Amino acid sequence: MISAASGNGLVASLTFDDGPNGATTERLLDFLAEKSIRATFCVIGENVDAPGGAQVLRRIVADGHLLANHTTSFADMGEWGAEEIERDLRENLEIIRRALGDPSHGVPYFRAPNGRWGRTSEVAARLGMASLAVINTIDDWRTQDVATLTENLRAAIRAGELVLAHDGGGDRNGTVDAVIAVVTERLAEGWRFTLPEAP
């Protein structure tokens, strides 16, 4: 399970779950592009298939970000059997690649919805995907209060580690506001935002 950001010193890796999510993800992408930051987007198949989802996914990839398979839906896989998990992960890979128009596009990472792993990590590994740990979260599924999320994100960004926020799964504009504020602060302090440690 990968929990480290690549690089040394004041580095951290931004990961975003549950998208793509239309204008919210686009706004996040605008900021990341402005700051020349690459991140990892853990995408849900039903959101890729939703109106506009494929277009946003194509922009994510065109902007140089990496993808993680976050399954076809928000289902809790903690008690699923290996065959059922594999069917879902393969289906989501097909959704992603169909949306991109690239049947061999690489999806190097996996993250289980709701942090409920069960047997998912071992199945993902057999399909060539390394699991991204769920650490350093900002609890943005509990609130979209910008002040709260800003403080949470300041605490969650730790040198050499991943940080998890959400661009999908509901209104995440508060999350994006917090990301813009805190990442801008950290950049001014000399931090770099890198991709996760290579699988």
Protein backbone atom coordinates (compact mmCIF):
# COMPACT_ATOMS: atom_id res chain seq x y z
CA MET A 1 0.00 0.00 0.00
CA ILE A 2 1.46 3.34 -1.06
CA SER A 3 1.43 6.11 1.53
CA ALA A 4 4.44 8.18 0.44
CA ALA A 5 4.87 11.10 -1.91
CA SER A 6 7.78 10.99 -4.33
CA GLY A 7 10.76 13.22 -3.60
CA ASN A 8 12.48 14.44 -0.48
CA GLY A 9 12.07 17.34 1.91
CA LEU A 10 8.92 19.46 1.91
CA VAL A 11 6.91 17.35 -0.51
CA ALA A 12 3.35 16.08 -0.39
CA SER A 13 1.08 14.35 -2.88
CA LEU A 14 -2.47 15.55 -3.54
CA THR A 15 -5.05 12.84 -4.21
CA PHE A 16 -8.71 13.49 -4.99
CA ASP A 17 -11.53 10.96 -4.69
CA ASP A 18 -15.05 10.44 -6.05
CA GLY A 19 -14.95 12.51 -9.26
CA PRO A 20 -15.03 13.64 -11.90
CA ASN A 21 -17.58 16.24 -10.88
CA GLY A 22 -18.20 18.75 -13.63
CA ALA A 23 -17.46 22.39 -12.85
CA THR A 24 -16.01 21.59 -9.41
CA THR A 25 -13.31 19.35 -10.87
CA GLU A 26 -12.73 21.85 -13.69
CA ARG A 27 -12.17 24.61 -11.14
CA LEU A 28 -9.69 22.43 -9.28
CA LEU A 29 -7.93 21.60 -12.55
CA ASP A 30 -7.67 25.31 -13.39
CA PHE A 31 -5.87 25.94 -10.11
CA LEU A 32 -3.54 22.96 -10.44
CA ALA A 33 -2.65 24.03 -13.98
CA GLU A 34 -1.94 27.58 -12.84
CA LYS A 35 0.47 26.23 -10.21
CA SER A 36 1.95 23.49 -12.46
CA ILE A 37 0.93 20.80 -9.96
CA ARG A 38 0.19 17.22 -10.94
CA ALA A 39 -2.12 15.15 -8.75
CA THR A 40 -3.88 11.78 -8.69
CA PHE A 41 -7.61 11.58 -9.39
CA CYS A 42 -9.38 8.49 -8.07
CA VAL A 43 -12.37 8.24 -10.40
CA ILE A 44 -15.78 6.59 -10.05
CA GLY A 45 -17.20 4.94 -13.16
CA GLU A 46 -20.73 6.23 -12.75
CA ASN A 47 -19.36 9.79 -12.60
CA VAL A 48 -17.26 9.24 -15.72
CA ASP A 49 -20.42 8.01 -17.47
CA ALA A 50 -22.51 10.94 -16.19
CA PRO A 51 -23.13 13.88 -18.54
CA GLY A 52 -19.86 15.75 -19.06
CA GLY A 53 -17.85 13.23 -17.04
CA ALA A 54 -15.84 11.83 -19.93
CA GLN A 55 -14.90 15.33 -21.08
CA VAL A 56 -13.57 16.21 -17.61
CA LEU A 57 -11.70 12.89 -17.42
CA ARG A 58 -10.01 13.63 -20.73
CA ARG A 59 -8.90 17.00 -19.39
CA ILE A 60 -7.53 15.37 -16.21
CA VAL A 61 -5.33 13.15 -18.35
CA ALA A 62 -4.42 15.89 -20.85
CA ASP A 63 -3.26 18.07 -17.95
CA GLY A 64 -0.81 15.36 -16.90
CA HIS A 65 -2.54 13.97 -13.83
CA LEU A 66 -2.57 10.28 -12.93
CA LEU A 67 -5.65 8.13 -12.48
CA ALA A 68 -6.69 5.68 -9.82
CA ASN A 69 -9.50 3.17 -10.19
CA HIS A 70 -12.04 4.04 -7.48
CA THR A 71 -14.58 1.42 -8.68
CA THR A 72 -17.78 1.84 -10.69
CA SER A 73 -19.85 3.27 -7.85
CA PHE A 74 -19.71 4.19 -4.17
CA ALA A 75 -20.49 0.63 -3.05
CA ASP A 76 -18.84 -0.69 0.10
CA MET A 77 -16.64 -3.58 -1.04
CA GLY A 78 -15.39 -4.57 2.40
CA GLU A 79 -17.26 -7.88 2.38
CA TRP A 80 -17.14 -8.64 -1.34
CA GLY A 81 -15.53 -11.77 -2.76
CA ALA A 82 -12.53 -11.61 -5.06
CA GLU A 83 -14.48 -12.45 -8.23
CA GLU A 84 -17.08 -9.76 -7.63
CA ILE A 85 -14.35 -7.21 -6.89
CA GLU A 86 -12.45 -8.13 -10.03
CA ARG A 87 -15.54 -7.76 -12.21
CA ASP A 88 -16.13 -4.26 -10.85
CA LEU A 89 -12.52 -3.12 -11.19
CA ARG A 90 -12.30 -4.45 -14.74
CA GLU A 91 -15.59 -2.74 -15.62
CA ASN A 92 -14.28 0.57 -14.27
CA LEU A 93 -11.07 0.21 -16.25
CA GLU A 94 -13.22 -0.27 -19.36
CA ILE A 95 -15.30 2.81 -18.53
CA ILE A 96 -12.15 4.91 -18.05
CA ARG A 97 -10.47 3.69 -21.22
CA ARG A 98 -13.61 4.01 -23.31
CA ALA A 99 -14.07 7.61 -22.15
CA LEU A 100 -10.45 8.36 -23.04
CA GLY A 101 -10.65 6.58 -26.38
CA ASP A 102 -7.54 4.63 -25.40
CA PRO A 103 -7.97 0.89 -24.71
CA SER A 104 -4.54 0.63 -23.10
CA HIS A 105 -4.36 3.81 -21.03
CA GLY A 106 -2.49 3.17 -17.81
CA VAL A 107 -4.30 3.33 -14.49
CA PRO A 108 -1.50 2.76 -11.99
CA TYR A 109 -3.40 3.12 -8.73
CA PHE A 110 -6.48 1.90 -6.88
CA ARG A 111 -8.37 3.15 -3.85
CA ALA A 112 -11.32 1.42 -2.21
CA PRO A 113 -14.46 3.50 -1.62
CA ASN A 114 -15.17 4.44 1.98
CA GLY A 115 -11.75 3.19 3.08
CA ARG A 116 -13.19 -0.35 3.27
CA TRP A 117 -10.54 -2.57 1.72
CA GLY A 118 -11.52 -6.17 2.37
CA ARG A 119 -9.84 -8.14 -0.45
CA THR A 120 -9.78 -5.23 -2.88
CA SER A 121 -6.08 -4.44 -2.57
CA GLU A 122 -4.96 -7.95 -3.49
CA VAL A 123 -7.32 -8.04 -6.48
CA ALA A 124 -6.15 -4.63 -7.66
CA ALA A 125 -2.54 -5.80 -7.44
CA ARG A 126 -3.32 -8.76 -9.69
CA LEU A 127 -4.72 -6.27 -12.21
CA GLY A 128 -1.54 -4.19 -12.07
CA MET A 129 -2.73 -1.42 -9.75
CA ALA A 130 -1.03 -0.36 -6.52
CA SER A 131 -3.31 0.69 -3.66
CA LEU A 132 -3.18 4.26 -2.37
CA ALA A 133 -3.51 4.49 1.39
CA VAL A 134 -6.28 6.53 2.99
CA ILE A 135 -4.32 8.81 5.29
CA ASN A 136 -4.23 12.50 6.10
CA THR A 137 -7.86 13.17 5.26
CA ILE A 138 -9.61 16.51 5.69
CA ASP A 139 -13.08 15.14 6.61
CA ASP A 140 -14.69 16.99 3.73
CA TRP A 141 -17.53 14.45 3.64
CA ARG A 142 -18.63 15.85 7.01
CA THR A 143 -18.64 19.55 6.16
CA GLN A 144 -17.99 22.05 3.38
CA ASP A 145 -17.29 24.87 5.81
CA VAL A 146 -14.26 26.53 4.23
CA ALA A 147 -12.67 27.68 7.50
CA THR A 148 -12.89 24.18 8.95
CA LEU A 149 -11.54 22.52 5.82
CA THR A 150 -8.72 25.05 5.56
CA GLU A 151 -7.56 24.20 9.08
CA ASN A 152 -8.01 20.47 8.41
CA LEU A 153 -5.93 20.67 5.25
CA ARG A 154 -3.16 22.61 6.96
CA ALA A 155 -2.92 19.77 9.49
CA ALA A 156 -3.25 17.01 6.88
CA ILE A 157 -0.38 18.10 4.63
CA ARG A 158 2.62 16.26 6.06
CA ALA A 159 6.07 16.06 4.53
CA GLY A 160 6.60 12.96 2.44
CA GLU A 161 2.99 11.74 2.62
CA LEU A 162 -0.26 11.62 0.67
CA VAL A 163 -3.16 13.91 1.47
CA LEU A 164 -6.74 12.98 0.56
CA ALA A 165 -9.54 15.35 -0.41
CA HIS A 166 -12.63 14.96 -2.60
CA ASP A 167 -13.61 16.59 -5.87
CA GLY A 168 -16.77 14.49 -6.25
CA GLY A 169 -19.50 12.80 -4.25
CA GLY A 170 -21.49 15.98 -3.68
CA ASP A 171 -20.86 19.72 -3.53
CA ARG A 172 -17.11 20.07 -3.01
CA ASN A 173 -16.67 23.79 -3.62
CA GLY A 174 -15.60 24.28 -0.01
CA THR A 175 -12.91 21.67 -0.53
CA VAL A 176 -11.64 23.45 -3.64
CA ASP A 177 -11.58 26.78 -1.78
CA ALA A 178 -9.51 25.17 0.99
CA VAL A 179 -7.13 23.52 -1.48
CA ILE A 180 -6.55 26.83 -3.26
CA ALA A 181 -5.86 28.67 0.00
CA VAL A 182 -3.62 26.10 1.70
CA VAL A 183 -1.67 24.91 -1.33
CA THR A 184 -0.92 28.54 -2.21
CA GLU A 185 0.37 29.04 1.35
CA ARG A 186 2.53 25.92 1.21
CA LEU A 187 4.03 26.83 -2.15
CA ALA A 188 5.04 30.20 -0.72
CA GLU A 189 6.75 28.31 2.14
CA GLY A 190 8.79 26.23 -0.30
CA TRP A 191 6.73 23.05 -0.44
CA ARG A 192 6.45 20.98 -3.64
CA PHE A 193 3.48 18.86 -4.62
CA THR A 194 4.51 15.64 -6.30
CA LEU A 195 2.91 12.40 -7.42
CA PRO A 196 2.69 9.34 -5.17
CA GLU A 197 5.68 7.10 -4.85
CA ALA A 198 5.88 4.90 -7.96
CA PRO A 199 4.28 1.45 -7.69
